[in-house]
Amino acid sequence: MSDTDSSLVSVVGECRGADLDKRTYLPGLVLRAKCPKCGDWMERDMADDYLSYPVVGERSAYAMCCDCDHEINFGVIVHLTLEVVP
């Protein structure tokens, strides 16, 4: 597994809510990355796909390139925010 150049990765959209669980779906977000091995672009629609056992503060998204079977590390980190509301 190799890390993907962060300039080749994008997060598109805005999360519309999520529950941190062993399978964490993030509806509204799409992860896109260019495979560093073959150059093909891939997407993970996080409404249909999920983060497996995400840990706050650690890299959480990986995928296999459909063209060359290279494992891609999207290099995204889950952050958790706690906010006081009136």
N, C-alpha and C. Protein backbone atom coordinates (compact mmCIF):
# COMPACT_ATOMS: atom_id res chain seq x y z
N MET A 1 0.85 -1.17 0.00
CA MET A 1 0.00 0.00 0.00
C MET A 1 0.89 1.23 0.00
N SER A 2 0.54 2.21 -0.81
CA SER A 2 1.29 3.47 -0.81
C SER A 2 0.33 4.61 -0.60
N ASP A 3 0.86 5.69 -0.04
CA ASP A 3 0.05 6.87 0.15
C ASP A 3 -0.11 7.58 -1.18
N THR A 4 -1.28 8.11 -1.43
CA THR A 4 -1.56 8.85 -2.65
C THR A 4 -1.21 10.32 -2.41
N ASP A 5 -0.59 10.94 -3.40
CA ASP A 5 -0.26 12.37 -3.33
C ASP A 5 -1.54 13.14 -3.05
N SER A 6 -1.54 13.94 -1.99
CA SER A 6 -2.76 14.64 -1.58
C SER A 6 -3.29 15.58 -2.65
N SER A 7 -2.44 16.00 -3.60
CA SER A 7 -2.94 16.86 -4.68
C SER A 7 -3.81 16.08 -5.66
N LEU A 8 -3.79 14.75 -5.57
CA LEU A 8 -4.58 13.91 -6.46
C LEU A 8 -5.86 13.40 -5.80
N VAL A 9 -6.16 13.91 -4.60
CA VAL A 9 -7.33 13.46 -3.83
C VAL A 9 -8.25 14.64 -3.57
N SER A 10 -9.55 14.41 -3.68
CA SER A 10 -10.49 15.47 -3.33
C SER A 10 -11.70 14.87 -2.61
N VAL A 11 -12.28 15.69 -1.73
CA VAL A 11 -13.52 15.34 -1.05
C VAL A 11 -14.56 16.30 -1.59
N VAL A 12 -15.62 15.76 -2.16
CA VAL A 12 -16.64 16.57 -2.82
C VAL A 12 -17.93 16.47 -2.04
N GLY A 13 -18.58 17.60 -1.81
CA GLY A 13 -19.87 17.61 -1.13
C GLY A 13 -19.75 17.98 0.33
N GLU A 14 -20.85 17.83 1.04
CA GLU A 14 -20.92 18.14 2.46
C GLU A 14 -21.67 17.02 3.16
N CYS A 15 -21.12 16.51 4.23
CA CYS A 15 -21.73 15.40 4.96
C CYS A 15 -23.08 15.83 5.53
N ARG A 16 -24.08 14.98 5.37
CA ARG A 16 -25.42 15.27 5.87
C ARG A 16 -25.75 14.44 7.11
N GLY A 17 -24.73 14.16 7.93
CA GLY A 17 -24.94 13.41 9.16
C GLY A 17 -24.33 12.02 9.08
N ALA A 18 -23.87 11.52 10.22
CA ALA A 18 -23.26 10.20 10.26
C ALA A 18 -23.26 9.68 11.69
N ASP A 19 -23.23 8.36 11.81
CA ASP A 19 -23.04 7.70 13.09
C ASP A 19 -21.72 6.95 13.02
N LEU A 20 -20.79 7.27 13.95
CA LEU A 20 -19.54 6.53 14.00
C LEU A 20 -19.82 5.14 14.50
N ASP A 21 -19.52 4.16 13.67
CA ASP A 21 -19.80 2.77 13.98
C ASP A 21 -18.77 1.93 13.23
N LYS A 22 -18.90 0.61 13.26
CA LYS A 22 -17.95 -0.22 12.53
C LYS A 22 -18.07 0.03 11.02
N ARG A 23 -19.24 0.43 10.56
CA ARG A 23 -19.45 0.85 9.18
C ARG A 23 -20.02 2.26 9.22
N THR A 24 -19.20 3.24 8.89
CA THR A 24 -19.62 4.63 8.97
C THR A 24 -19.89 5.18 7.57
N TYR A 25 -21.15 5.40 7.27
CA TYR A 25 -21.55 6.01 6.01
C TYR A 25 -21.54 7.53 6.18
N LEU A 26 -21.14 8.25 5.15
CA LEU A 26 -21.11 9.72 5.18
C LEU A 26 -21.87 10.25 3.99
N PRO A 27 -23.21 10.20 4.04
CA PRO A 27 -24.01 10.65 2.90
C PRO A 27 -23.71 12.10 2.56
N GLY A 28 -23.59 12.36 1.27
CA GLY A 28 -23.29 13.71 0.79
C GLY A 28 -21.84 13.87 0.39
N LEU A 29 -20.95 12.93 0.79
CA LEU A 29 -19.53 13.04 0.46
C LEU A 29 -19.13 12.01 -0.59
N VAL A 30 -18.26 12.44 -1.49
CA VAL A 30 -17.65 11.56 -2.48
C VAL A 30 -16.14 11.76 -2.40
N LEU A 31 -15.39 10.66 -2.27
CA LEU A 31 -13.93 10.72 -2.29
C LEU A 31 -13.47 10.39 -3.70
N ARG A 32 -12.58 11.20 -4.24
CA ARG A 32 -12.03 10.98 -5.58
C ARG A 32 -10.51 10.97 -5.48
N ALA A 33 -9.88 10.06 -6.22
CA ALA A 33 -8.41 9.99 -6.21
C ALA A 33 -7.91 9.45 -7.53
N LYS A 34 -6.72 9.87 -7.89
CA LYS A 34 -6.05 9.37 -9.09
C LYS A 34 -5.05 8.30 -8.65
N CYS A 35 -5.12 7.12 -9.26
CA CYS A 35 -4.23 6.03 -8.90
C CYS A 35 -2.79 6.42 -9.28
N PRO A 36 -1.85 6.34 -8.31
CA PRO A 36 -0.47 6.71 -8.61
C PRO A 36 0.23 5.68 -9.50
N LYS A 37 -0.36 4.49 -9.63
CA LYS A 37 0.27 3.44 -10.43
C LYS A 37 -0.14 3.50 -11.90
N CYS A 38 -1.47 3.57 -12.17
CA CYS A 38 -1.93 3.54 -13.57
C CYS A 38 -2.53 4.86 -14.05
N GLY A 39 -2.82 5.79 -13.12
CA GLY A 39 -3.35 7.09 -13.51
C GLY A 39 -4.85 7.15 -13.66
N ASP A 40 -5.55 6.04 -13.42
CA ASP A 40 -7.01 6.02 -13.53
C ASP A 40 -7.63 6.75 -12.33
N TRP A 41 -8.74 7.44 -12.55
CA TRP A 41 -9.46 8.12 -11.48
C TRP A 41 -10.48 7.17 -10.89
N MET A 42 -10.66 7.23 -9.57
CA MET A 42 -11.67 6.41 -8.91
C MET A 42 -12.47 7.26 -7.95
N GLU A 43 -13.64 6.77 -7.60
CA GLU A 43 -14.53 7.47 -6.66
C GLU A 43 -15.06 6.49 -5.64
N ARG A 44 -15.33 7.01 -4.45
CA ARG A 44 -16.08 6.28 -3.42
C ARG A 44 -17.19 7.20 -2.96
N ASP A 45 -18.43 6.87 -3.31
CA ASP A 45 -19.60 7.62 -2.84
C ASP A 45 -19.88 7.12 -1.43
N MET A 46 -19.67 7.98 -0.44
CA MET A 46 -19.75 7.56 0.94
C MET A 46 -21.18 7.38 1.45
N ALA A 47 -22.17 7.63 0.59
CA ALA A 47 -23.55 7.28 0.93
C ALA A 47 -23.78 5.79 0.68
N ASP A 48 -23.05 5.21 -0.28
CA ASP A 48 -23.18 3.79 -0.62
C ASP A 48 -22.04 2.95 -0.06
N ASP A 49 -20.86 3.53 0.04
CA ASP A 49 -19.68 2.87 0.58
C ASP A 49 -19.49 3.37 2.01
N TYR A 50 -18.54 2.86 2.74
CA TYR A 50 -18.40 3.27 4.14
C TYR A 50 -16.94 3.22 4.58
N LEU A 51 -16.66 3.90 5.69
CA LEU A 51 -15.38 3.77 6.37
C LEU A 51 -15.50 2.61 7.33
N SER A 52 -14.55 1.71 7.31
CA SER A 52 -14.60 0.54 8.16
C SER A 52 -13.83 0.80 9.46
N TYR A 53 -14.55 0.72 10.58
CA TYR A 53 -13.97 0.97 11.91
C TYR A 53 -13.14 2.25 11.95
N PRO A 54 -13.72 3.40 11.62
CA PRO A 54 -12.92 4.63 11.62
C PRO A 54 -12.47 5.00 13.03
N VAL A 55 -11.27 5.53 13.12
CA VAL A 55 -10.71 5.99 14.38
C VAL A 55 -10.42 7.48 14.24
N VAL A 56 -10.95 8.28 15.14
CA VAL A 56 -10.74 9.73 15.09
C VAL A 56 -9.25 10.02 15.14
N GLY A 57 -8.79 10.84 14.19
CA GLY A 57 -7.39 11.24 14.13
C GLY A 57 -6.47 10.31 13.36
N GLU A 58 -7.00 9.22 12.78
CA GLU A 58 -6.18 8.30 11.99
C GLU A 58 -6.72 8.21 10.57
N ARG A 59 -5.82 7.88 9.63
CA ARG A 59 -6.24 7.69 8.23
C ARG A 59 -7.30 6.61 8.16
N SER A 60 -8.35 6.88 7.38
CA SER A 60 -9.50 5.98 7.44
C SER A 60 -10.04 5.50 6.10
N ALA A 61 -9.55 5.96 4.97
CA ALA A 61 -10.19 5.59 3.71
C ALA A 61 -9.19 4.97 2.74
N TYR A 62 -9.51 3.78 2.32
CA TYR A 62 -8.68 3.04 1.36
C TYR A 62 -9.59 2.49 0.28
N ALA A 63 -9.02 2.20 -0.89
CA ALA A 63 -9.79 1.59 -1.97
C ALA A 63 -8.83 0.87 -2.90
N MET A 64 -9.37 -0.07 -3.65
CA MET A 64 -8.59 -0.77 -4.66
C MET A 64 -8.90 -0.18 -6.03
N CYS A 65 -7.86 0.10 -6.81
CA CYS A 65 -8.06 0.60 -8.17
C CYS A 65 -8.67 -0.51 -9.01
N CYS A 66 -9.73 -0.20 -9.75
CA CYS A 66 -10.42 -1.20 -10.56
C CYS A 66 -9.57 -1.64 -11.76
N ASP A 67 -8.65 -0.80 -12.22
CA ASP A 67 -7.85 -1.14 -13.40
C ASP A 67 -6.62 -1.97 -13.08
N CYS A 68 -5.91 -1.64 -11.98
CA CYS A 68 -4.63 -2.31 -11.73
C CYS A 68 -4.54 -2.98 -10.36
N ASP A 69 -5.61 -2.95 -9.56
CA ASP A 69 -5.66 -3.57 -8.23
C ASP A 69 -4.66 -2.99 -7.24
N HIS A 70 -4.23 -1.76 -7.48
CA HIS A 70 -3.34 -1.07 -6.54
C HIS A 70 -4.17 -0.52 -5.40
N GLU A 71 -3.71 -0.70 -4.13
CA GLU A 71 -4.45 -0.16 -3.00
C GLU A 71 -4.14 1.32 -2.83
N ILE A 72 -5.18 2.13 -2.76
CA ILE A 72 -5.05 3.58 -2.64
C ILE A 72 -5.39 4.00 -1.21
N ASN A 73 -4.55 4.82 -0.64
CA ASN A 73 -4.83 5.44 0.65
C ASN A 73 -5.28 6.86 0.35
N PHE A 74 -6.56 7.15 0.59
CA PHE A 74 -7.08 8.47 0.28
C PHE A 74 -6.49 9.56 1.17
N GLY A 75 -5.91 9.19 2.29
CA GLY A 75 -5.27 10.18 3.16
C GLY A 75 -6.26 11.12 3.82
N VAL A 76 -7.44 10.62 4.16
CA VAL A 76 -8.41 11.45 4.88
C VAL A 76 -8.45 11.03 6.34
N ILE A 77 -8.70 11.99 7.21
CA ILE A 77 -8.75 11.75 8.64
C ILE A 77 -10.10 12.20 9.16
N VAL A 78 -10.71 11.38 10.01
CA VAL A 78 -11.99 11.72 10.63
C VAL A 78 -11.69 12.58 11.86
N HIS A 79 -12.36 13.72 11.94
CA HIS A 79 -12.26 14.59 13.11
C HIS A 79 -13.62 14.59 13.81
N LEU A 80 -13.60 14.76 15.09
CA LEU A 80 -14.82 14.82 15.87
C LEU A 80 -14.89 16.16 16.55
N THR A 81 -16.01 16.85 16.45
CA THR A 81 -16.19 18.16 17.06
C THR A 81 -17.32 18.08 18.06
N LEU A 82 -17.08 18.63 19.22
CA LEU A 82 -18.10 18.74 20.25
C LEU A 82 -18.40 20.21 20.43
N GLU A 83 -19.67 20.55 20.34
CA GLU A 83 -20.05 21.97 20.34
C GLU A 83 -21.19 22.20 21.35
N VAL A 84 -21.08 23.24 22.13
CA VAL A 84 -22.15 23.61 23.06
C VAL A 84 -23.17 24.43 22.30
N VAL A 85 -24.42 24.05 22.43
CA VAL A 85 -25.50 24.79 21.76
C VAL A 85 -26.42 25.39 22.80
N PRO A 86 -26.98 26.56 22.51
CA PRO A 86 -27.88 27.20 23.48
C PRO A 86 -29.20 26.48 23.61
